[in-house]
């Protein structure tokens, strides 16, 4: 019995859709500060879960949450002008 998976991988190995487009890479680059802030928030939450959470851990999480929210607001403010089309805003 031949497996089609190996044939499928050989057929689609060089397909154009396997690589991100320039527009997708630009969108990722635009969102990178928000992504990194979210990673910092998750890191702070994981650190608090690994031991008994202290007041310092709670402050670290609050600070990371504020940075993540600020990064999201900044991202929305940057993209708000570019995503609106037409006269209605």
Protein backbone atom coordinates (compact mmCIF):
# COMPACT_ATOMS: atom_id res chain seq x y z
CA UNK A 1 0.00 0.00 0.00
CA UNK A 2 1.48 3.34 -1.07
CA UNK A 3 0.97 6.35 1.14
CA UNK A 4 -0.22 9.48 -0.62
CA UNK A 5 1.33 11.75 2.02
CA UNK A 6 4.85 11.43 0.60
CA UNK A 7 3.55 12.13 -2.91
CA UNK A 8 1.53 15.12 -1.67
CA UNK A 9 4.56 16.64 0.04
CA UNK A 10 6.63 16.26 -3.12
CA UNK A 11 3.92 17.85 -5.24
CA UNK A 12 3.32 20.86 -2.96
CA UNK A 13 6.90 21.39 -1.81
CA UNK A 14 7.40 24.34 -4.14
CA UNK A 15 3.91 25.81 -4.16
CA UNK A 16 3.69 29.60 -3.96
CA UNK A 17 1.25 29.52 -1.05
CA UNK A 18 3.70 27.75 1.29
CA UNK A 19 5.66 30.94 1.96
CA UNK A 20 4.21 34.11 3.49
CA UNK A 21 3.65 36.98 1.13
CA UNK A 22 5.30 40.37 1.57
CA UNK A 23 2.01 41.79 2.82
CA UNK A 24 1.74 39.06 5.45
CA UNK A 25 5.32 39.67 6.58
CA UNK A 26 4.61 43.41 6.82
CA UNK A 27 1.52 42.70 8.94
CA UNK A 28 3.55 40.50 11.26
CA UNK A 29 6.22 43.18 11.55
CA UNK A 30 3.54 45.76 12.37
CA UNK A 31 2.08 43.53 15.09
CA UNK A 32 5.45 42.47 16.56
CA UNK A 33 5.43 44.92 19.54
CA UNK A 34 2.00 43.64 20.59
CA UNK A 35 3.10 40.02 20.11
CA UNK A 36 6.20 40.54 22.25
CA UNK A 37 4.17 42.29 24.95
CA UNK A 38 1.78 39.32 25.00
CA UNK A 39 4.74 36.95 25.32
CA UNK A 40 6.04 38.98 28.29
CA UNK A 41 2.59 38.75 29.91
CA UNK A 42 2.49 34.98 29.47
CA UNK A 43 6.03 34.71 30.85
CA UNK A 44 5.01 36.67 33.96
CA UNK A 45 1.94 34.48 34.42
CA UNK A 46 4.00 31.30 34.06
CA UNK A 47 6.56 32.55 36.56
CA UNK A 48 3.77 33.21 39.06
CA UNK A 49 2.36 29.71 38.54
CA UNK A 50 5.71 27.98 39.11
CA UNK A 51 5.81 28.96 42.77
CA UNK A 52 3.66 30.59 45.42
CA UNK A 53 2.62 33.92 43.89
CA UNK A 54 3.94 36.89 45.82
CA UNK A 55 3.04 40.56 45.69
CA UNK A 56 6.03 41.05 43.38
CA UNK A 57 4.58 38.47 40.98
CA UNK A 58 1.22 40.25 41.04
CA UNK A 59 2.91 43.57 40.24
CA UNK A 60 4.90 41.94 37.46
CA UNK A 61 1.70 40.56 35.93
CA UNK A 62 -0.14 43.89 36.24
CA UNK A 63 2.79 45.71 34.63
CA UNK A 64 2.98 43.18 31.79
CA UNK A 65 -0.80 43.38 31.29
CA UNK A 66 -0.63 47.19 31.06
CA UNK A 67 2.22 46.97 28.52
CA UNK A 68 0.28 44.42 26.45
CA UNK A 69 -2.84 46.61 26.47
CA UNK A 70 -0.79 49.69 25.58
CA UNK A 71 0.82 47.81 22.69
CA UNK A 72 -2.61 46.72 21.43
CA UNK A 73 -3.93 50.29 21.64
CA UNK A 74 -0.88 51.58 19.77
CA UNK A 75 -1.40 48.91 17.10
CA UNK A 76 -5.06 49.84 16.74
CA UNK A 77 -4.19 53.53 16.49
CA UNK A 78 -1.59 52.82 13.79
CA UNK A 79 -3.88 50.62 11.74
CA UNK A 80 -7.11 52.60 12.20
CA UNK A 81 -6.24 55.09 9.48
CA UNK A 82 -5.15 52.47 6.98
CA UNK A 83 -8.08 50.09 7.36
CA UNK A 84 -10.84 52.69 6.86
CA UNK A 85 -12.11 53.00 3.32
CA UNK A 86 -14.59 55.38 1.80
CA UNK A 87 -15.98 58.57 3.31
CA UNK A 88 -17.74 56.95 6.26
CA UNK A 89 -15.41 56.69 9.22
